[in-house]
C-alpha atoms as a PDB file:
ATOM      1  CA  MET A   1       5.296  82.048  28.045  1.00  0.00           C
ATOM      2  CA  GLU A   2       2.276  81.774  25.827  1.00  0.00           C
ATOM      3  CA  LYS A   3       0.207  84.845  25.080  1.00  0.00           C
ATOM      4  CA  SER A   4      -2.929  83.276  26.630  1.00  0.00           C
ATOM      5  CA  THR A   5      -1.038  82.410  29.837  1.00  0.00           C
ATOM      6  CA  PHE A   6       0.298  85.937  30.034  1.00  0.00           C
ATOM      7  CA  ILE A   7      -3.204  87.418  29.610  1.00  0.00           C
ATOM      8  CA  PHE A   8      -4.532  85.046  32.286  1.00  0.00           C
ATOM      9  CA  PHE A   9      -1.921  86.217  34.821  1.00  0.00           C
ATOM     10  CA  VAL A  10      -2.518  89.879  33.985  1.00  0.00           C
ATOM     11  CA  LEU A  11      -6.281  89.456  34.504  1.00  0.00           C
ATOM     12  CA  LEU A  12      -5.722  87.478  37.700  1.00  0.00           C
ATOM     13  CA  SER A  13      -3.417  90.231  39.000  1.00  0.00           C
ATOM     14  CA  LEU A  14      -6.030  92.884  38.227  1.00  0.00           C
ATOM     15  CA  ILE A  15      -8.760  90.935  40.003  1.00  0.00           C
ATOM     16  CA  VAL A  16      -6.603  90.315  43.077  1.00  0.00           C
ATOM     17  CA  GLY A  17      -5.488  93.977  43.148  1.00  0.00           C
ATOM     18  CA  ALA A  18      -9.057  95.242  42.827  1.00  0.00           C
ATOM     19  CA  SER A  19     -10.192  92.891  45.587  1.00  0.00           C
ATOM     20  CA  ILE A  20      -7.472  94.095  47.955  1.00  0.00           C
ATOM     21  CA  GLY A  21      -8.287  97.735  47.137  1.00  0.00           C
ATOM     22  CA  TYR A  22     -11.966  97.103  47.749  1.00  0.00           C
ATOM     23  CA  TYR A  23     -11.289  95.375  51.057  1.00  0.00           C
ATOM     24  CA  PHE A  24      -9.039  98.105  52.444  1.00  0.00           C
ATOM     25  CA  GLY A  25     -10.737 101.101  50.844  1.00  0.00           C
ATOM     26  CA  TYR A  26     -14.404 100.553  51.537  1.00  0.00           C
ATOM     27  CA  ASP A  27     -16.575  99.685  54.467  1.00  0.00           C
ATOM     28  CA  HIS A  28     -19.577  97.412  54.197  1.00  0.00           C
ATOM     29  CA  GLY A  29     -22.342  99.188  52.297  1.00  0.00           C
ATOM     30  CA  PHE A  30     -19.930 100.782  49.800  1.00  0.00           C
ATOM     31  CA  GLU A  31     -19.328 103.826  51.985  1.00  0.00           C
ATOM     32  CA  ARG A  32     -15.981 105.596  51.911  1.00  0.00           C
ATOM     33  CA  THR A  33     -14.150 105.324  55.191  1.00  0.00           C
ATOM     34  CA  PHE A  34     -11.336 107.312  56.738  1.00  0.00           C
ATOM     35  CA  ARG A  35      -8.884 106.175  59.330  1.00  0.00           C
ATOM     36  CA  THR A  36      -6.737 108.134  61.732  1.00  0.00           C
ATOM     37  CA  PRO A  37      -3.715 106.614  63.481  1.00  0.00           C
ATOM     38  CA  GLY A  38      -4.826 104.557  66.456  1.00  0.00           C
ATOM     39  CA  ASP A  39      -8.513 105.074  65.803  1.00  0.00           C
ATOM     40  CA  GLU A  40     -11.307 102.880  64.567  1.00  0.00           C
ATOM     41  CA  VAL A  41     -13.155 103.667  61.350  1.00  0.00           C
ATOM     42  CA  ILE A  42     -15.046 106.784  62.281  1.00  0.00           C
ATOM     43  CA  VAL A  43     -16.355 108.561  59.207  1.00  0.00           C
ATOM     44  CA  SER A  44     -18.563 107.228  56.468  1.00  0.00           C
ATOM     45  CA  GLY A  45     -21.517 108.076  54.274  1.00  0.00           C
ATOM     46  CA  GLU A  46     -22.841 111.609  54.396  1.00  0.00           C
ATOM     47  CA  ILE A  47     -20.152 112.784  56.819  1.00  0.00           C
ATOM     48  CA  ALA A  48     -17.464 111.821  54.295  1.00  0.00           C
ATOM     49  CA  ILE A  49     -19.437 113.604  51.560  1.00  0.00           C
ATOM     50  CA  PHE A  50     -19.771 116.715  53.753  1.00  0.00           C
ATOM     51  CA  THR A  51     -16.043 116.706  54.543  1.00  0.00           C
ATOM     52  CA  GLY A  52     -15.079 116.244  50.895  1.00  0.00           C
ATOM     53  CA  LYS A  53     -17.395 118.998  49.697  1.00  0.00           C
ATOM     54  CA  ILE A  54     -16.333 121.620  52.238  1.00  0.00           C
ATOM     55  CA  GLN A  55     -12.662 120.848  51.607  1.00  0.00           C
ATOM     56  CA  ASP A  56     -13.165 121.055  47.833  1.00  0.00           C
ATOM     57  CA  TYR A  57     -14.957 124.392  48.263  1.00  0.00           C
ATOM     58  CA  VAL A  58     -12.074 125.793  50.316  1.00  0.00           C
ATOM     59  CA  ILE A  59      -9.507 124.620  47.752  1.00  0.00           C
ATOM     60  CA  GLU A  60     -11.487 126.090  44.835  1.00  0.00           C
ATOM     61  CA  ASN A  61     -12.246 129.432  46.499  1.00  0.00           C
ATOM     62  CA  ILE A  62      -9.332 130.115  48.831  1.00  0.00           C
ATOM     63  CA  GLY A  63      -6.625 127.596  47.981  1.00  0.00           C
ATOM     64  CA  GLN A  64      -5.063 124.471  49.452  1.00  0.00           C
ATOM     65  CA  PRO A  65      -4.193 125.088  53.102  1.00  0.00           C
ATOM     66  CA  ILE A  66      -0.618 124.018  53.778  1.00  0.00           C
ATOM     67  CA  GLU A  67      -1.202 122.999  57.391  1.00  0.00           C
ATOM     68  CA  GLY A  68      -4.520 121.293  56.729  1.00  0.00           C
ATOM     69  CA  PHE A  69      -8.095 122.386  57.241  1.00  0.00           C
ATOM     70  CA  ASN A  70      -8.819 124.225  60.486  1.00  0.00           C
ATOM     71  CA  ALA A  71     -11.525 126.403  62.017  1.00  0.00           C
ATOM     72  CA  ASP A  72     -10.002 129.663  60.739  1.00  0.00           C
ATOM     73  CA  ILE A  73      -9.951 128.557  57.103  1.00  0.00           C
ATOM     74  CA  TYR A  74     -13.496 127.173  57.282  1.00  0.00           C
ATOM     75  CA  LEU A  75     -14.830 130.327  58.982  1.00  0.00           C
ATOM     76  CA  LEU A  76     -13.186 132.409  56.249  1.00  0.00           C
ATOM     77  CA  ALA A  77     -14.668 130.296  53.442  1.00  0.00           C
ATOM     78  CA  PHE A  78     -18.164 129.789  54.836  1.00  0.00           C
ATOM     79  CA  PRO A  79     -20.037 132.873  56.095  1.00  0.00           C
ATOM     80  CA  GLY A  80     -22.791 130.604  57.456  1.00  0.00           C
ATOM     81  CA  LEU A  81     -20.456 128.767  59.813  1.00  0.00           C
ATOM     82  CA  MET A  82     -20.356 129.983  63.395  1.00  0.00           C
ATOM     83  CA  GLU A  83     -17.644 129.558  65.994  1.00  0.00           C
ATOM     84  CA  VAL A  84     -20.049 127.506  68.115  1.00  0.00           C
ATOM     85  CA  ASP A  85     -20.113 124.892  65.308  1.00  0.00           C
ATOM     86  CA  PHE A  86     -16.519 123.974  66.220  1.00  0.00           C
ATOM     87  CA  ASN A  87     -17.261 123.140  69.852  1.00  0.00           C
ATOM     88  CA  LEU A  88     -15.505 119.865  70.784  1.00  0.00           C
ATOM     89  CA  VAL A  89     -14.032 119.418  67.280  1.00  0.00           C
ATOM     90  CA  GLU A  90     -10.820 117.394  67.589  1.00  0.00           C
ATOM     91  CA  THR A  91      -7.618 118.382  65.851  1.00  0.00           C
ATOM     92  CA  SER A  92      -4.262 116.730  65.388  1.00  0.00           C
ATOM     93  CA  GLU A  93      -2.936 118.157  68.660  1.00  0.00           C
ATOM     94  CA  GLY A  94      -5.954 119.326  70.614  1.00  0.00           C
ATOM     95  CA  ILE A  95      -9.588 120.292  70.600  1.00  0.00           C
ATOM     96  CA  TYR A  96     -11.650 123.405  69.946  1.00  0.00           C
ATOM     97  CA  LYS A  97     -13.930 124.536  72.761  1.00  0.00           C
ATOM     98  CA  TYR A  98     -16.575 127.203  72.556  1.00  0.00           C
ATOM     99  CA  SER A  99     -17.024 128.985  75.862  1.00  0.00           C
ATOM    100  CA  ASP A 100     -18.240 132.459  76.847  1.00  0.00           C
ATOM    101  CA  ASN A 101     -18.960 133.349  73.185  1.00  0.00           C
ATOM    102  CA  GLU A 102     -15.378 132.571  72.181  1.00  0.00           C
ATOM    103  CA  LEU A 103     -13.738 129.715  70.270  1.00  0.00           C
ATOM    104  CA  ILE A 104     -10.596 128.523  72.023  1.00  0.00           C
ATOM    105  CA  PHE A 105      -8.043 125.977  70.853  1.00  0.00           C
ATOM    106  CA  MET A 106      -6.891 123.774  73.701  1.00  0.00           C
ATOM    107  CA  ARG A 107      -3.667 121.902  72.973  1.00  0.00           C
ATOM    108  CA  ARG A 108      -3.295 118.531  74.628  1.00  0.00           C
ATOM    109  CA  GLU A 109       0.082 117.413  75.843  1.00  0.00           C
ATOM    110  CA  VAL A 110       1.955 116.081  72.854  1.00  0.00           C
ATOM    111  CA  GLU A 111       5.536 115.076  72.386  1.00  0.00           C
ATOM    112  CA  PHE A 112       6.105 117.465  69.481  1.00  0.00           C
ATOM    113  CA  ILE A 113       4.217 120.639  68.598  1.00  0.00           C
ATOM    114  CA  THR A 114       3.735 121.168  64.869  1.00  0.00           C
ATOM    115  CA  SER A 115       2.448 123.989  62.703  1.00  0.00           C
ATOM    116  CA  ALA A 116      -0.517 121.746  61.841  1.00  0.00           C
ATOM    117  CA  GLU A 117      -1.700 121.526  65.450  1.00  0.00           C
ATOM    118  CA  GLU A 118      -5.179 122.817  64.588  1.00  0.00           C
ATOM    119  CA  MET A 119      -5.718 120.531  61.577  1.00  0.00           C
ATOM    120  CA  ILE A 120      -9.161 119.002  62.017  1.00  0.00           C
ATOM    121  CA  LEU A 121      -9.159 115.200  62.152  1.00  0.00           C
ATOM    122  CA  ASP A 122     -11.774 113.009  60.503  1.00  0.00           C
ATOM    123  CA  LYS A 123     -13.566 112.533  63.817  1.00  0.00           C
ATOM    124  CA  GLY A 124     -13.423 116.310  64.219  1.00  0.00           C
ATOM    125  CA  HIS A 125     -15.174 116.701  60.864  1.00  0.00           C
ATOM    126  CA  LYS A 126     -17.797 114.272  62.160  1.00  0.00           C
ATOM    127  CA  THR A 127     -18.397 116.506  65.189  1.00  0.00           C
ATOM    128  CA  LEU A 128     -18.447 119.623  62.987  1.00  0.00           C
ATOM    129  CA  PHE A 129     -21.060 118.031  60.716  1.00  0.00           C
ATOM    130  CA  GLU A 130     -23.213 117.000  63.672  1.00  0.00           C
ATOM    131  CA  ASN A 131     -22.961 120.448  65.275  1.00  0.00           C
ATOM    132  CA  VAL A 132     -23.905 122.235  62.051  1.00  0.00           C
ATOM    133  CA  ARG A 133     -26.743 119.836  61.307  1.00  0.00           C
ATOM    134  CA  ASP A 134     -28.139 120.231  64.839  1.00  0.00           C
ATOM    135  CA  ARG A 135     -27.974 124.020  64.592  1.00  0.00           C
ATOM    136  CA  LEU A 136     -29.548 124.288  61.129  1.00  0.00           C
ATOM    137  CA  ASP A 137     -32.047 121.465  60.807  1.00  0.00           C
ATOM    138  CA  ASN A 138     -31.627 117.716  61.207  1.00  0.00           C
ATOM    139  CA  ASP A 139     -33.702 117.058  58.088  1.00  0.00           C
ATOM    140  CA  LEU A 140     -31.414 118.943  55.674  1.00  0.00           C
ATOM    141  CA  SER A 141     -29.375 117.055  53.097  1.00  0.00           C
ATOM    142  CA  VAL A 142     -25.611 117.561  52.881  1.00  0.00           C
ATOM    143  CA  ASP A 143     -26.050 119.804  49.826  1.00  0.00           C
ATOM    144  CA  GLU A 144     -28.658 121.918  51.635  1.00  0.00           C
ATOM    145  CA  ILE A 145     -26.362 122.265  54.641  1.00  0.00           C
ATOM    146  CA  ILE A 146     -23.467 123.402  52.466  1.00  0.00           C
ATOM    147  CA  THR A 147     -25.716 125.863  50.618  1.00  0.00           C
ATOM    148  CA  ASN A 148     -26.671 127.341  54.013  1.00  0.00           C
ATOM    149  CA  LEU A 149     -23.013 127.648  54.934  1.00  0.00           C
ATOM    150  CA  ILE A 150     -22.108 129.426  51.690  1.00  0.00           C
ATOM    151  CA  THR A 151     -25.116 131.776  51.601  1.00  0.00           C
ATOM    152  CA  PRO A 152     -26.645 132.104  55.070  1.00  0.00           C
END
């Protein structure tokens, strides 16, 4: 095989690979998207940024949670978070509900119970973001929201 033919196929492979990665990795508008099994694309834009930043903060300041990110780890890391912020936040095996000034985890019927039952799903992070934004101020940027959560 000639050197020029080889270079052509390498470049073609890179272009095809990049195109496939772009197609499956990004939504229209160049926003990062997340998928959960059986769900539609549910998180993009500032919600994805919020999720990434709060998870990075937890990892840097507390460590990587083995069973995923849950209400307990977030409440430990962010003094400005309140239990009410987790109302109706979905997890891998249930949902958090805030009732009578108490946060309760309600497990749904699942075939297998795991130690990661309270791991917050992407759509749960969406609800968390919306709850926090509603409580603080709808006009705040993601960075301003996170600053409020770190130093209330």
